[in-house]
Protein backbone atom coordinates (compact mmCIF):
# COMPACT_ATOMS: atom_id res chain seq x y z
CA UNK A 1 -101.46 -243.63 -134.89
CA UNK A 2 -98.85 -240.92 -134.38
CA UNK A 3 -95.10 -241.52 -134.63
CA UNK A 4 -92.31 -239.21 -133.51
CA UNK A 5 -88.61 -239.49 -134.32
CA UNK A 6 -87.54 -235.81 -134.56
CA UNK A 7 -86.87 -235.77 -130.84
CA UNK A 8 -87.62 -238.54 -128.34
CA UNK A 9 -88.90 -241.70 -130.04
CA UNK A 10 -92.60 -241.84 -129.15
CA UNK A 11 -95.79 -243.48 -130.45
CA UNK A 12 -99.47 -242.72 -129.69
CA UNK A 13 -102.47 -244.87 -130.47
CA UNK A 14 -105.96 -243.42 -129.99
CA UNK A 15 -104.41 -240.53 -128.06
CA UNK A 16 -102.55 -242.77 -125.60
CA UNK A 17 -98.75 -243.02 -125.57
CA UNK A 18 -97.35 -246.51 -125.88
CA UNK A 19 -94.50 -248.12 -123.96
CA UNK A 20 -91.92 -248.96 -126.64
CA UNK A 21 -89.97 -251.48 -124.58
CA UNK A 22 -86.22 -252.03 -124.53
CA UNK A 23 -83.84 -249.34 -125.86
CA UNK A 24 -82.68 -251.65 -128.66
CA UNK A 25 -86.30 -252.24 -129.68
CA UNK A 26 -86.80 -248.46 -129.70
CA UNK A 27 -83.70 -248.16 -131.89
CA UNK A 28 -85.25 -250.55 -134.42
CA UNK A 29 -88.47 -248.51 -134.51
CA UNK A 30 -86.52 -245.25 -134.82
CA UNK A 31 -84.57 -246.64 -137.79
CA UNK A 32 -87.80 -247.73 -139.49
CA UNK A 33 -89.27 -244.24 -138.95
CA UNK A 34 -86.09 -242.53 -140.18
CA UNK A 35 -86.37 -244.41 -143.48
CA UNK A 36 -89.92 -243.03 -143.81
CA UNK A 37 -91.73 -245.56 -145.97
CA UNK A 38 -88.65 -247.28 -147.42
CA UNK A 39 -87.53 -250.81 -146.53
CA UNK A 40 -84.63 -251.08 -144.09
CA UNK A 41 -82.09 -253.81 -144.95
CA UNK A 42 -81.44 -256.32 -142.19
CA UNK A 43 -77.72 -255.56 -142.36
CA UNK A 44 -78.37 -251.91 -141.57
CA UNK A 45 -80.52 -252.91 -138.60
CA UNK A 46 -77.65 -255.05 -137.29
CA UNK A 47 -75.16 -252.19 -137.72
CA UNK A 48 -77.47 -249.74 -135.93
CA UNK A 49 -78.40 -251.86 -132.93
CA UNK A 50 -74.94 -253.37 -132.49
CA UNK A 51 -72.36 -250.78 -133.42
CA UNK A 52 -69.60 -253.35 -133.08
CA UNK A 53 -69.75 -257.07 -133.84
CA UNK A 54 -73.34 -258.38 -133.47
CA UNK A 55 -73.89 -261.55 -131.41
CA UNK A 56 -74.58 -264.87 -133.06
CA UNK A 57 -78.23 -264.62 -132.02
CA UNK A 58 -78.68 -261.13 -133.54
CA UNK A 59 -81.12 -262.21 -136.28
CA UNK A 60 -83.33 -264.01 -133.77
CA UNK A 61 -83.28 -260.94 -131.51
CA UNK A 62 -84.41 -258.75 -134.43
CA UNK A 63 -87.27 -261.13 -135.20
CA UNK A 64 -88.42 -260.97 -131.57
CA UNK A 65 -88.30 -257.16 -131.65
CA UNK A 66 -90.31 -257.08 -134.88
CA UNK A 67 -92.97 -259.39 -133.44
CA UNK A 68 -93.21 -257.31 -130.26
CA UNK A 69 -93.58 -254.06 -132.23
CA UNK A 70 -96.27 -255.59 -134.45
CA UNK A 71 -98.40 -256.54 -131.45
CA UNK A 72 -97.77 -253.14 -129.87
CA UNK A 73 -98.95 -251.28 -132.97
CA UNK A 74 -101.83 -253.68 -133.71
CA UNK A 75 -103.27 -255.12 -130.48
CA UNK A 76 -105.02 -258.44 -130.88
CA UNK A 77 -102.78 -259.50 -133.76
CA UNK A 78 -102.19 -263.30 -133.66
CA UNK A 79 -98.75 -264.40 -132.52
CA UNK A 80 -97.17 -265.05 -135.93
CA UNK A 81 -99.39 -262.80 -138.05
CA UNK A 82 -97.74 -260.07 -140.15
CA UNK A 83 -100.40 -257.41 -139.81
CA UNK A 84 -100.49 -254.26 -141.95
CA UNK A 85 -98.00 -251.98 -140.19
CA UNK A 86 -94.61 -253.69 -139.91
CA UNK A 87 -94.12 -255.66 -143.09
CA UNK A 88 -91.47 -258.14 -144.19
CA UNK A 89 -89.70 -257.15 -147.39
CA UNK A 90 -86.94 -258.94 -149.33
CA UNK A 91 -83.83 -258.47 -147.24
CA UNK A 92 -85.43 -256.27 -144.60
CA UNK A 93 -88.50 -254.64 -143.04
CA UNK A 94 -90.86 -251.75 -143.82
CA UNK A 95 -93.04 -249.65 -141.52
CA UNK A 96 -96.27 -248.56 -143.22
CA UNK A 97 -97.52 -245.13 -142.10
CA UNK A 98 -99.34 -242.22 -143.71
CA UNK A 99 -97.75 -238.80 -144.14
CA UNK A 100 -99.88 -237.21 -141.42
CA UNK A 101 -98.91 -239.98 -138.95
CA UNK A 102 -95.12 -239.41 -138.92
CA UNK A 103 -93.45 -236.15 -137.88
CA UNK A 104 -90.60 -236.62 -140.38
CA UNK A 105 -93.01 -237.06 -143.29
CA UNK A 106 -94.98 -233.98 -142.24
CA UNK A 107 -91.75 -231.96 -142.08
CA UNK A 108 -90.74 -233.05 -145.57
CA UNK A 109 -94.15 -232.28 -147.03
CA UNK A 110 -94.23 -228.78 -145.50
CA UNK A 111 -90.65 -228.14 -146.65
CA UNK A 112 -91.64 -229.15 -150.18
CA UNK A 113 -94.58 -226.74 -150.07
CA UNK A 114 -92.30 -223.99 -148.77
CA UNK A 115 -89.87 -224.44 -151.64
CA UNK A 116 -92.71 -224.29 -154.15
CA UNK A 117 -94.06 -221.10 -152.58
CA UNK A 118 -90.62 -219.50 -152.56
CA UNK A 119 -90.06 -220.41 -156.21
CA UNK A 120 -93.31 -218.59 -157.02
CA UNK A 121 -92.19 -215.49 -155.10
CA UNK A 122 -94.64 -216.08 -152.22
CA UNK A 123 -92.05 -215.58 -149.50
CA UNK A 124 -94.48 -215.07 -146.63
CA UNK A 125 -96.19 -218.35 -147.51
CA UNK A 126 -92.77 -220.02 -147.77
CA UNK A 127 -91.79 -218.69 -144.34
CA UNK A 128 -95.02 -220.06 -142.86
CA UNK A 129 -94.38 -223.51 -144.37
CA UNK A 130 -90.75 -223.70 -143.25
CA UNK A 131 -91.49 -222.60 -139.69
CA UNK A 132 -94.45 -225.00 -139.45
CA UNK A 133 -92.20 -227.79 -140.71
CA UNK A 134 -89.65 -227.03 -138.01
CA UNK A 135 -92.43 -227.11 -135.44
CA UNK A 136 -92.13 -230.90 -135.75
CA UNK A 137 -88.60 -230.71 -134.34
CA UNK A 138 -88.72 -231.47 -130.61
CA UNK A 139 -85.13 -232.28 -129.71
CA UNK A 140 -82.15 -234.35 -130.80
CA UNK A 141 -83.14 -236.90 -133.42
CA UNK A 142 -84.09 -240.33 -132.00
CA UNK A 143 -83.43 -239.25 -128.44
CA UNK A 144 -83.74 -242.07 -125.93
CA UNK A 145 -82.13 -244.84 -127.96
CA UNK A 146 -78.55 -245.95 -127.19
CA UNK A 147 -75.94 -243.30 -128.02
CA UNK A 148 -74.06 -245.68 -130.31
CA UNK A 149 -77.23 -246.19 -132.38
CA UNK A 150 -77.88 -242.44 -132.62
CA UNK A 151 -74.52 -242.05 -134.35
CA UNK A 152 -75.81 -244.05 -137.31
CA UNK A 153 -75.61 -242.18 -140.62
CA UNK A 154 -79.40 -242.19 -141.05
CA UNK A 155 -79.93 -240.18 -137.87
CA UNK A 156 -77.09 -237.75 -138.53
CA UNK A 157 -78.54 -237.17 -142.01
CA UNK A 158 -81.89 -236.25 -140.43
CA UNK A 159 -80.14 -233.73 -138.19
CA UNK A 160 -78.55 -232.10 -141.25
CA UNK A 161 -81.95 -232.04 -142.98
CA UNK A 162 -83.40 -230.11 -140.05
CA UNK A 163 -80.57 -227.58 -140.16
CA UNK A 164 -81.03 -227.11 -143.90
CA UNK A 165 -84.72 -226.36 -143.36
CA UNK A 166 -83.81 -223.87 -140.63
CA UNK A 167 -81.52 -222.03 -143.07
CA UNK A 168 -84.31 -221.89 -145.65
CA UNK A 169 -86.70 -220.52 -143.03
CA UNK A 170 -84.18 -217.81 -142.14
CA UNK A 171 -83.58 -216.86 -145.78
CA UNK A 172 -87.25 -216.50 -146.65
CA UNK A 173 -88.07 -214.69 -143.39
CA UNK A 174 -85.28 -212.15 -143.90
CA UNK A 175 -86.33 -211.56 -147.49
CA UNK A 176 -89.96 -210.84 -146.64
CA UNK A 177 -89.23 -208.80 -143.51
CA UNK A 178 -90.46 -211.38 -141.00
CA UNK A 179 -87.21 -212.28 -139.26
CA UNK A 180 -88.96 -212.59 -135.90
CA UNK A 181 -90.99 -215.54 -137.22
CA UNK A 182 -87.90 -217.67 -137.90
CA UNK A 183 -85.92 -216.53 -134.85
CA UNK A 184 -87.14 -219.27 -132.43
CA UNK A 185 -86.23 -222.12 -134.79
CA UNK A 186 -82.89 -220.45 -135.54
CA UNK A 187 -82.10 -220.33 -131.83
CA UNK A 188 -83.01 -224.01 -131.53
CA UNK A 189 -80.91 -224.94 -134.55
CA UNK A 190 -77.96 -222.88 -133.32
CA UNK A 191 -78.04 -224.65 -129.97
CA UNK A 192 -78.12 -228.00 -131.77
CA UNK A 193 -75.05 -227.22 -133.90
CA UNK A 194 -72.93 -224.52 -132.23
CA UNK A 195 -70.26 -224.61 -134.98
CA UNK A 196 -72.42 -224.30 -138.12
CA UNK A 197 -71.20 -220.97 -139.55
CA UNK A 198 -73.88 -220.44 -142.26
CA UNK A 199 -76.59 -221.14 -139.69
CA UNK A 200 -75.10 -218.76 -137.11
CA UNK A 201 -74.59 -216.07 -139.76
CA UNK A 202 -78.35 -216.17 -140.33
CA UNK A 203 -78.98 -216.09 -136.58
CA UNK A 204 -76.82 -212.97 -136.25
CA UNK A 205 -78.62 -211.25 -139.14
CA UNK A 206 -82.05 -212.25 -137.86
CA UNK A 207 -81.34 -210.92 -134.37
CA UNK A 208 -80.20 -207.62 -135.86
CA UNK A 209 -83.23 -207.47 -138.17
CA UNK A 210 -85.44 -207.86 -135.07
CA UNK A 211 -83.70 -204.89 -133.45
CA UNK A 212 -81.63 -207.04 -131.06
CA UNK A 213 -78.30 -205.43 -131.95
CA UNK A 214 -76.47 -206.27 -128.72
CA UNK A 215 -77.64 -209.89 -128.78
CA UNK A 216 -76.59 -210.21 -132.43
CA UNK A 217 -73.06 -209.02 -131.59
CA UNK A 218 -72.91 -211.40 -128.63
CA UNK A 219 -74.04 -214.31 -130.81
CA UNK A 220 -71.20 -213.52 -133.21
CA UNK A 221 -68.64 -213.28 -130.38
CA UNK A 222 -69.83 -216.61 -128.97
CA UNK A 223 -69.37 -218.57 -132.19
CA UNK A 224 -66.09 -216.79 -132.97
CA UNK A 225 -64.76 -217.92 -129.60
CA UNK A 226 -66.01 -221.50 -130.10
CA UNK A 227 -64.42 -221.69 -133.55
CA UNK A 228 -61.10 -220.53 -132.15
CA UNK A 229 -61.15 -222.78 -129.09
CA UNK A 230 -62.52 -225.98 -130.64
CA UNK A 231 -61.31 -225.82 -134.25
CA UNK A 232 -58.50 -223.27 -134.14
CA UNK A 233 -59.99 -221.25 -137.01
CA UNK A 234 -61.33 -217.74 -137.54
CA UNK A 235 -64.87 -217.02 -138.79
CA UNK A 236 -65.35 -217.59 -142.51
CA UNK A 237 -66.40 -215.02 -145.09
CA UNK A 238 -70.16 -215.47 -144.67
CA UNK A 239 -70.13 -215.14 -140.89
CA UNK A 240 -67.68 -212.22 -141.00
CA UNK A 241 -69.86 -210.42 -143.56
CA UNK A 242 -72.90 -210.82 -141.30
CA UNK A 243 -70.92 -209.32 -138.42
CA UNK A 244 -69.88 -206.36 -140.56
CA UNK A 245 -73.50 -205.69 -141.50
CA UNK A 246 -74.52 -205.65 -137.87
CA UNK A 247 -71.69 -203.27 -136.94
CA UNK A 248 -72.80 -200.91 -139.71
CA UNK A 249 -76.40 -201.26 -138.54
CA UNK A 250 -77.10 -202.14 -142.15
CA UNK A 251 -79.64 -204.89 -141.51
CA UNK A 252 -83.24 -203.85 -141.80
CA UNK A 253 -86.61 -205.15 -142.90
CA UNK A 254 -86.40 -206.09 -146.51
CA UNK A 255 -88.39 -206.47 -149.69
CA UNK A 256 -87.27 -208.54 -152.66
CA UNK A 257 -88.52 -209.99 -155.90
CA UNK A 258 -89.55 -213.60 -156.43
CA UNK A 259 -87.19 -216.43 -155.57
CA UNK A 260 -86.44 -218.36 -158.74
CA UNK A 261 -84.58 -221.22 -157.11
CA UNK A 262 -84.50 -222.41 -153.55
CA UNK A 263 -82.52 -225.33 -152.21
CA UNK A 264 -78.83 -225.69 -151.54
CA UNK A 265 -78.43 -222.49 -153.57
CA UNK A 266 -80.84 -219.58 -153.31
CA UNK A 267 -81.15 -217.10 -156.16
CA UNK A 268 -83.49 -214.13 -155.92
CA UNK A 269 -84.72 -211.78 -158.61
CA UNK A 270 -84.27 -208.39 -157.03
CA UNK A 271 -86.14 -205.69 -158.89
CA UNK A 272 -84.17 -202.47 -158.94
CA UNK A 273 -81.34 -203.78 -156.77
CA UNK A 274 -77.63 -203.65 -157.35
CA UNK A 275 -76.11 -206.66 -159.13
CA UNK A 276 -74.74 -209.43 -156.96
CA UNK A 277 -71.17 -208.76 -155.97
CA UNK A 278 -70.04 -212.37 -156.35
CA UNK A 279 -71.55 -215.81 -157.04
CA UNK A 280 -72.39 -217.98 -154.04
CA UNK A 281 -70.00 -220.69 -153.00
CA UNK A 282 -70.82 -224.11 -154.33
CA UNK A 283 -73.07 -226.15 -152.11
CA UNK A 284 -74.10 -223.37 -149.80
CA UNK A 285 -77.36 -221.58 -149.22
CA UNK A 286 -76.62 -217.90 -149.49
CA UNK A 287 -78.54 -214.70 -149.12
CA UNK A 288 -78.60 -212.69 -152.33
CA UNK A 289 -78.98 -208.94 -152.63
CA UNK A 290 -81.57 -208.12 -149.99
CA UNK A 291 -82.67 -204.59 -150.80
CA UNK A 292 -79.10 -203.50 -150.34
CA UNK A 293 -79.08 -204.60 -146.71
CA UNK A 294 -77.49 -208.03 -146.55
CA UNK A 295 -75.41 -207.95 -149.71
CA UNK A 296 -72.31 -205.92 -150.34
CA UNK A 297 -72.78 -202.51 -151.97
CA UNK A 298 -72.05 -202.20 -155.69
CA UNK A 299 -68.42 -202.01 -156.68
CA UNK A 300 -67.28 -198.49 -157.47
CA UNK A 301 -67.72 -197.77 -161.15
CA UNK A 302 -70.19 -200.59 -161.77
CA UNK A 303 -73.48 -200.05 -163.50
CA UNK A 304 -76.81 -200.40 -161.72
CA UNK A 305 -79.51 -202.53 -163.27
CA UNK A 306 -82.79 -200.75 -163.87
CA UNK A 307 -86.06 -202.12 -162.56
CA UNK A 308 -86.79 -205.45 -164.20
CA UNK A 309 -90.18 -207.04 -164.69
CA UNK A 310 -89.39 -210.13 -162.65
CA UNK A 311 -86.45 -211.23 -164.77
CA UNK A 312 -82.93 -211.89 -163.60
CA UNK A 313 -80.82 -209.66 -165.82
CA UNK A 314 -77.23 -210.33 -166.78
CA UNK A 315 -74.62 -207.76 -165.77
CA UNK A 316 -73.70 -205.20 -168.47
CA UNK A 317 -71.14 -206.23 -171.07
CA UNK A 318 -67.73 -204.78 -170.43
CA UNK A 319 -67.37 -201.44 -172.12
CA UNK A 320 -71.10 -200.77 -172.35
CA UNK A 321 -73.16 -198.32 -170.36
CA UNK A 322 -76.51 -198.76 -168.70
CA UNK A 323 -79.06 -196.04 -169.37
CA UNK A 324 -80.99 -195.16 -166.21
CA UNK A 325 -84.49 -193.77 -166.30
CA UNK A 326 -84.41 -189.96 -166.28
CA UNK A 327 -87.30 -187.74 -165.35
CA UNK A 328 -85.74 -184.44 -166.29
CA UNK A 329 -83.04 -183.32 -168.64
CA UNK A 330 -79.99 -185.34 -169.57
CA UNK A 331 -76.61 -184.10 -168.54
CA UNK A 332 -74.44 -186.07 -170.94
CA UNK A 333 -71.42 -184.42 -172.57
CA UNK A 334 -70.60 -185.46 -176.12
CA UNK A 335 -67.75 -187.79 -176.83
CA UNK A 336 -64.44 -185.98 -176.86
CA UNK A 337 -63.58 -184.98 -180.39
CA UNK A 338 -67.13 -185.12 -181.78
CA UNK A 339 -68.79 -182.05 -183.31
CA UNK A 340 -72.00 -180.93 -181.73
CA UNK A 341 -73.85 -177.92 -183.18
CA UNK A 342 -76.21 -176.30 -180.67
CA UNK A 343 -79.32 -174.78 -182.17
CA UNK A 344 -79.59 -171.17 -181.04
CA UNK A 345 -82.69 -169.04 -180.95
CA UNK A 346 -81.27 -166.79 -183.62
CA UNK A 347 -78.24 -166.78 -185.88
CA UNK A 348 -74.66 -166.21 -184.86
CA UNK A 349 -74.00 -162.53 -184.33
CA UNK A 350 -70.49 -162.75 -185.71
CA UNK A 351 -68.29 -165.48 -187.11
CA UNK A 352 -65.99 -167.12 -184.62
CA UNK A 353 -62.36 -166.20 -184.41
CA UNK A 354 -60.28 -168.40 -186.69
CA UNK A 355 -59.22 -171.64 -185.08
CA UNK A 356 -61.57 -171.40 -182.11
CA UNK A 357 -65.19 -172.07 -181.27
CA UNK A 358 -67.51 -170.16 -179.02
CA UNK A 359 -69.91 -172.02 -176.74
CA UNK A 360 -73.06 -170.26 -175.60
CA UNK A 361 -73.28 -169.47 -171.89
CA UNK A 362 -74.26 -172.41 -169.70
CA UNK A 363 -77.61 -170.76 -169.01
CA UNK A 364 -78.59 -170.93 -172.68
CA UNK A 365 -80.31 -174.29 -173.36
CA UNK A 366 -78.80 -176.45 -176.01
CA UNK A 367 -81.41 -177.95 -178.30
CA UNK A 368 -80.98 -181.13 -180.29
CA UNK A 369 -80.28 -180.67 -184.01
CA UNK A 370 -83.13 -181.46 -186.38
CA UNK A 371 -83.66 -185.15 -186.94
CA UNK A 372 -83.46 -184.68 -190.72
CA UNK A 373 -79.91 -183.38 -190.62
CA UNK A 374 -78.07 -184.81 -187.63
CA UNK A 375 -74.66 -183.24 -187.22
CA UNK A 376 -73.30 -185.50 -184.49
CA UNK A 377 -70.36 -187.75 -185.21
CA UNK A 378 -70.77 -191.48 -184.58
CA UNK A 379 -69.99 -192.38 -180.97
CA UNK A 380 -66.65 -193.72 -180.00
CA UNK A 381 -66.24 -197.50 -179.91
CA UNK A 382 -67.78 -199.04 -176.82
CA UNK A 383 -69.97 -196.05 -175.96
CA UNK A 384 -73.74 -195.82 -175.99
CA UNK A 385 -75.32 -193.66 -178.73
CA UNK A 386 -78.21 -191.68 -177.26
CA UNK A 387 -81.12 -190.72 -179.52
CA UNK A 388 -82.10 -187.03 -179.47
CA UNK A 389 -84.30 -186.61 -176.39
CA UNK A 390 -87.53 -184.69 -176.53
CA UNK A 391 -86.52 -182.66 -173.48
CA UNK A 392 -83.88 -179.95 -173.77
CA UNK A 393 -80.34 -181.01 -173.12
CA UNK A 394 -78.17 -179.05 -170.80
CA UNK A 395 -74.46 -179.55 -170.93
CA UNK A 396 -71.65 -178.16 -168.81
CA UNK A 397 -68.80 -176.35 -170.47
CA UNK A 398 -66.35 -178.78 -172.02
CA UNK A 399 -62.63 -178.61 -172.34
CA UNK A 400 -61.35 -178.68 -175.91
CA UNK A 401 -62.81 -176.91 -178.93
CA UNK A 402 -65.78 -177.42 -181.24
CA UNK A 403 -65.50 -176.87 -184.97
CA UNK A 404 -68.48 -174.97 -186.38
CA UNK A 405 -69.39 -174.86 -190.05
CA UNK A 406 -68.69 -171.65 -191.98
CA UNK A 407 -70.69 -168.64 -190.86
CA UNK A 408 -72.29 -168.42 -194.28
CA UNK A 409 -74.19 -171.63 -193.63
CA UNK A 410 -77.47 -170.71 -191.93
CA UNK A 411 -78.46 -172.56 -188.82
CA UNK A 412 -81.93 -174.02 -188.54
CA UNK A 413 -83.85 -173.19 -185.44
CA UNK A 414 -85.67 -176.03 -183.70
């Protein structure tokens, strides 16, 4: 058997599609499928089939529909036999079906696998799972049943579940540089909900990441106009930020570290990226720092995290400095007011004039003092003390003066 509820309500047995009967009978089957292996209370069936006051014969009508569906799913079943598909449960009914028989159950299983893959940093695998899951989506949920029944909370919840999966597919595809893979399902989701700002923000970014700059700008203009005309509001921060990225042509194929959490909130370990500018809003799926493309640039004056071995680092403590990796010499002036004695290749030719200090020319390298007799003052509060590097230090001329010890004290060469 094969059951479909993520689109028109349809059933196949042995490869042949079945005639599901009256629209109200189809609504009962759709509700059983939407609950996916959980019993449906009789009261909920009444509310779904009869949106307003049910008739006095409603319970008898439900029993007739149940009997008809049982014989449809299991031909040859005796008239009053229960069978093994549509079972009576205390206070309601249950449809028995395996995961691979129901499109909704297949979608949920693939979505679960996608979240697991994303949590392990396997973003390409996650993208494959999410897009395959959305391949089960073939139109408005429970299409073909009465419109009043389709407004039931169970069917609207399924529609939201599909949109959530589409957002996850977009996030993982953008992060692994495969935006074109999620673009078809994003278009479908955007057509289904033309006012979902987080979804359309991802559509705009995905179009731009695929090189469709003009179409991305048009997609933004379309939803901006709909928001103004239908809701009387301007685009929110997430949608506006996506538009700004497209205008700057700052959306490109991306590479990121492993996703450590994926669900309503998405957090990504970005190795070597700038720290996140702000935390995501509660209850929303947001794109984190995507190789500097989809997130805001670092705030002026902030420190940049060095490359981390797959760990999400905390931002630097206020007042501290972050030491980047240097491949050459350090250009780091001493703290103002500290005494630094450069080691010269010889001795001082003449004592300095009283009250002043003479710095060697900038072309003369300044060597670190011997480790056994450091002459540097302790760093000022809140600064980072640097150990003497093995490479020569070069320092630009500094304003202020340096106090040297008396000329009679010999200076040790390095």
